[in-house]
C-alpha atoms as a PDB file:
ATOM      1  CA  VAL A   1       0.160  -0.218   0.076  1.00  0.00           C
ATOM      2  CA  GLN A   2       1.277   3.361  -1.071  1.00  0.00           C
ATOM      3  CA  PRO A   3       1.544   6.320   1.543  1.00  0.00           C
ATOM      4  CA  VAL A   4      -0.001   9.750   1.050  1.00  0.00           C
ATOM      5  CA  GLU A   5       2.520  12.674   1.785  1.00  0.00           C
ATOM      6  CA  SER A   6       0.549  15.988   2.563  1.00  0.00           C
ATOM      7  CA  GLY A   7       1.585  18.953   4.472  1.00  0.00           C
ATOM      8  CA  GLY A   8       3.996  21.176   1.766  1.00  0.00           C
ATOM      9  CA  GLY A   9       3.022  24.368  -0.037  1.00  0.00           C
ATOM     10  CA  LEU A  10       5.345  27.443   0.111  1.00  0.00           C
ATOM     11  CA  VAL A  11       7.135  28.635   3.671  1.00  0.00           C
ATOM     12  CA  GLN A  12       8.407  31.715   3.985  1.00  0.00           C
ATOM     13  CA  ALA A  13      12.660  31.515   5.274  1.00  0.00           C
ATOM     14  CA  GLY A  14      13.119  30.800   9.025  1.00  0.00           C
ATOM     15  CA  GLY A  15       9.286  29.172   9.163  1.00  0.00           C
ATOM     16  CA  PRO A  16       7.881  25.847  10.424  1.00  0.00           C
ATOM     17  CA  LEU A  17       6.076  23.155   8.545  1.00  0.00           C
ATOM     18  CA  ARG A  18       5.156  19.567   9.509  1.00  0.00           C
ATOM     19  CA  LEU A  19       4.869  17.363   6.710  1.00  0.00           C
ATOM     20  CA  SER A  20       2.405  13.992   7.192  1.00  0.00           C
ATOM     21  CA  CYS A  21       2.578  10.673   5.551  1.00  0.00           C
ATOM     22  CA  ALA A  22       0.168   8.256   6.126  1.00  0.00           C
ATOM     23  CA  GLY A  23      -1.955   4.959   5.010  1.00  0.00           C
ATOM     24  CA  PRO A  24      -3.719   1.977   5.810  1.00  0.00           C
ATOM     25  CA  GLY A  25      -1.451  -0.237   8.149  1.00  0.00           C
ATOM     26  CA  TYR A  26       1.899   1.681   7.187  1.00  0.00           C
ATOM     27  CA  VAL A  27       3.306   3.045  10.099  1.00  0.00           C
ATOM     28  CA  ALA A  28       2.685   0.481  12.792  1.00  0.00           C
ATOM     29  CA  SER A  29       3.681  -2.265  10.594  1.00  0.00           C
ATOM     30  CA  ARG A  30       7.061  -1.466   9.405  1.00  0.00           C
ATOM     31  CA  GLU A  31      10.452  -1.486  11.383  1.00  0.00           C
ATOM     32  CA  TYR A  32      12.234   1.738   9.888  1.00  0.00           C
ATOM     33  CA  MET A  33      10.581   4.559   7.861  1.00  0.00           C
ATOM     34  CA  GLY A  34      12.109   7.704   6.760  1.00  0.00           C
ATOM     35  CA  TRP A  35      11.648  10.554   5.116  1.00  0.00           C
ATOM     36  CA  PHE A  36      13.585  11.384   1.717  1.00  0.00           C
ATOM     37  CA  ARG A  37      14.211  14.641  -0.468  1.00  0.00           C
ATOM     38  CA  GLN A  38      14.753  15.257  -3.934  1.00  0.00           C
ATOM     39  CA  ALA A  39      15.452  18.501  -5.149  1.00  0.00           C
ATOM     40  CA  SER A  40      15.234  19.648  -8.568  1.00  0.00           C
ATOM     41  CA  GLY A  41      18.718  18.275 -10.357  1.00  0.00           C
ATOM     42  CA  LYS A  42      19.813  16.288  -7.460  1.00  0.00           C
ATOM     43  CA  GLU A  43      19.336  13.452  -6.409  1.00  0.00           C
ATOM     44  CA  LEU A  44      17.427  11.986  -3.443  1.00  0.00           C
ATOM     45  CA  GLU A  45      18.651  12.204  -0.437  1.00  0.00           C
ATOM     46  CA  GLY A  46      17.445  11.054   3.431  1.00  0.00           C
ATOM     47  CA  VAL A  47      16.513  12.945   5.579  1.00  0.00           C
ATOM     48  CA  ALA A  48      15.735  11.428   8.536  1.00  0.00           C
ATOM     49  CA  VAL A  49      14.342   8.011   9.866  1.00  0.00           C
ATOM     50  CA  ILE A  50      12.460   6.867  12.893  1.00  0.00           C
ATOM     51  CA  GLY A  51      12.901   3.263  14.162  1.00  0.00           C
ATOM     52  CA  ARG A  52       9.432   1.507  15.529  1.00  0.00           C
ATOM     53  CA  SER A  53      11.546   1.629  18.875  1.00  0.00           C
ATOM     54  CA  GLY A  54      11.068   5.050  18.301  1.00  0.00           C
ATOM     55  CA  GLU A  55      14.950   5.764  17.757  1.00  0.00           C
ATOM     56  CA  THR A  56      15.350   8.630  15.301  1.00  0.00           C
ATOM     57  CA  ARG A  57      18.692   9.637  12.778  1.00  0.00           C
ATOM     58  CA  TYR A  58      18.811  12.872  10.827  1.00  0.00           C
ATOM     59  CA  ALA A  59      20.887  14.206   8.059  1.00  0.00           C
ATOM     60  CA  ASP A  60      23.274  16.943   8.909  1.00  0.00           C
ATOM     61  CA  SER A  61      21.744  19.597   6.718  1.00  0.00           C
ATOM     62  CA  VAL A  62      18.649  19.240   8.899  1.00  0.00           C
ATOM     63  CA  LYS A  63      19.561  18.008  12.501  1.00  0.00           C
ATOM     64  CA  GLY A  64      18.840  20.439  15.287  1.00  0.00           C
ATOM     65  CA  ARG A  65      15.980  21.534  13.618  1.00  0.00           C
ATOM     66  CA  SER A  66      13.643  19.054  12.531  1.00  0.00           C
ATOM     67  CA  ALA A  67      11.889  16.160  14.334  1.00  0.00           C
ATOM     68  CA  ILE A  68      10.307  12.658  12.846  1.00  0.00           C
ATOM     69  CA  SER A  69       7.793  11.223  14.820  1.00  0.00           C
ATOM     70  CA  GLN A  70       4.883   8.261  14.138  1.00  0.00           C
ATOM     71  CA  ASP A  71       1.232   7.780  15.663  1.00  0.00           C
ATOM     72  CA  ASN A  72       0.618   4.572  15.059  1.00  0.00           C
ATOM     73  CA  GLY A  73      -2.794   5.136  16.408  1.00  0.00           C
ATOM     74  CA  ARG A  74      -3.345   7.392  12.992  1.00  0.00           C
ATOM     75  CA  ASN A  75      -0.913   5.404  11.105  1.00  0.00           C
ATOM     76  CA  THR A  76       0.745   8.866  10.335  1.00  0.00           C
ATOM     77  CA  LEU A  77       4.380  10.159  10.177  1.00  0.00           C
ATOM     78  CA  TYR A  78       5.712  13.076  10.205  1.00  0.00           C
ATOM     79  CA  LEU A  79       8.633  15.460   9.954  1.00  0.00           C
ATOM     80  CA  GLN A  80       8.241  18.915  11.878  1.00  0.00           C
ATOM     81  CA  LEU A  81      11.133  21.108  10.009  1.00  0.00           C
ATOM     82  CA  ASN A  82      12.014  24.401  11.346  1.00  0.00           C
ATOM     83  CA  ILE A  83      14.216  27.151  10.913  1.00  0.00           C
ATOM     84  CA  LEU A  84      13.479  26.509   6.759  1.00  0.00           C
ATOM     85  CA  LYS A  85      16.126  27.661   4.611  1.00  0.00           C
ATOM     86  CA  PRO A  86      15.950  28.333   0.948  1.00  0.00           C
ATOM     87  CA  ASP A  87      18.071  24.786   0.342  1.00  0.00           C
ATOM     88  CA  ASP A  88      15.174  22.956   1.798  1.00  0.00           C
ATOM     89  CA  THR A  89      13.415  23.631  -1.127  1.00  0.00           C
ATOM     90  CA  ALA A  90      12.442  20.132  -2.874  1.00  0.00           C
ATOM     91  CA  MET A  91       9.423  17.179  -3.196  1.00  0.00           C
ATOM     92  CA  TYR A  92       9.776  15.193  -0.088  1.00  0.00           C
ATOM     93  CA  TYR A  93       8.889  11.718   0.109  1.00  0.00           C
ATOM     94  CA  CYS A  94       8.148   9.125   3.256  1.00  0.00           C
ATOM     95  CA  ALA A  95       9.392   5.287   2.241  1.00  0.00           C
ATOM     96  CA  THR A  96       9.154   2.253   4.507  1.00  0.00           C
ATOM     97  CA  GLN A  97      11.799  -0.433   4.878  1.00  0.00           C
ATOM     98  CA  ARG A  98      11.489  -2.909   2.602  1.00  0.00           C
ATOM     99  CA  SER A  99      14.105  -5.569   1.435  1.00  0.00           C
ATOM    100  CA  PRO A 100      14.391  -5.778  -1.832  1.00  0.00           C
ATOM    101  CA  GLY A 101      14.411  -1.984  -2.157  1.00  0.00           C
ATOM    102  CA  THR A 102      17.265   0.914  -2.123  1.00  0.00           C
ATOM    103  CA  TYR A 103      19.780   1.260   0.039  1.00  0.00           C
ATOM    104  CA  TYR A 104      19.713   4.732   2.123  1.00  0.00           C
ATOM    105  CA  LYS A 105      22.203   5.325   4.609  1.00  0.00           C
ATOM    106  CA  ILE A 106      20.650   8.602   7.123  1.00  0.00           C
ATOM    107  CA  GLY A 107      22.453   9.544   9.750  1.00  0.00           C
ATOM    108  CA  GLY A 108      24.896   6.551  10.008  1.00  0.00           C
ATOM    109  CA  LEU A 109      21.490   4.087  10.481  1.00  0.00           C
ATOM    110  CA  GLY A 110      21.231   2.159   6.847  1.00  0.00           C
ATOM    111  CA  THR A 111      18.629  -0.138   5.966  1.00  0.00           C
ATOM    112  CA  TRP A 112      16.701  -0.562   2.439  1.00  0.00           C
ATOM    113  CA  PHE A 113      13.514   1.566   1.640  1.00  0.00           C
ATOM    114  CA  GLY A 114      10.469   1.002  -0.737  1.00  0.00           C
ATOM    115  CA  TYR A 115       6.800   1.554  -0.632  1.00  0.00           C
ATOM    116  CA  TRP A 116       7.479   5.620  -1.809  1.00  0.00           C
ATOM    117  CA  GLY A 117       4.607   7.956  -1.465  1.00  0.00           C
ATOM    118  CA  GLN A 118       3.659  10.556  -4.409  1.00  0.00           C
ATOM    119  CA  GLY A 119       5.350  13.457  -2.538  1.00  0.00           C
ATOM    120  CA  THR A 120       4.779  16.347  -1.413  1.00  0.00           C
ATOM    121  CA  GLN A 121       5.963  19.952  -2.802  1.00  0.00           C
ATOM    122  CA  VAL A 122       8.271  22.184   0.083  1.00  0.00           C
ATOM    123  CA  THR A 123       8.804  25.642  -1.455  1.00  0.00           C
ATOM    124  CA  VAL A 124      11.332  27.689   0.807  1.00  0.00           C
ATOM    125  CA  PHE A 125      11.290  32.025  -0.181  1.00  0.00           C
ATOM    126  CA  SER A 126      13.473  34.175   1.330  1.00  0.00           C
END
């Protein structure tokens, strides 16, 4: 089941934004879930990952100003982004651990990801 991302939009630099990723049975059943982003002309980048135990890791580019969380009851994954910068402009995707899949390492935690959503666009203007 593919998840659905939401919450993106046009945001002024310095502001916050919360992204959501939801899908039936999507959150609670997975060992790891992650947020990724792809800016125009750049490769897909892992942003944050959360384990079922609640362990979190972040890319250096967002560490200290972002938070990944999950609500198992609502089958929803969140990404809170604060102090947004123009460099945060990208399409944001969520994905769940899956093998076979594509291997990514986020904040030192590496695993295989798949079941990508369609993405939600975040545009930060200064």
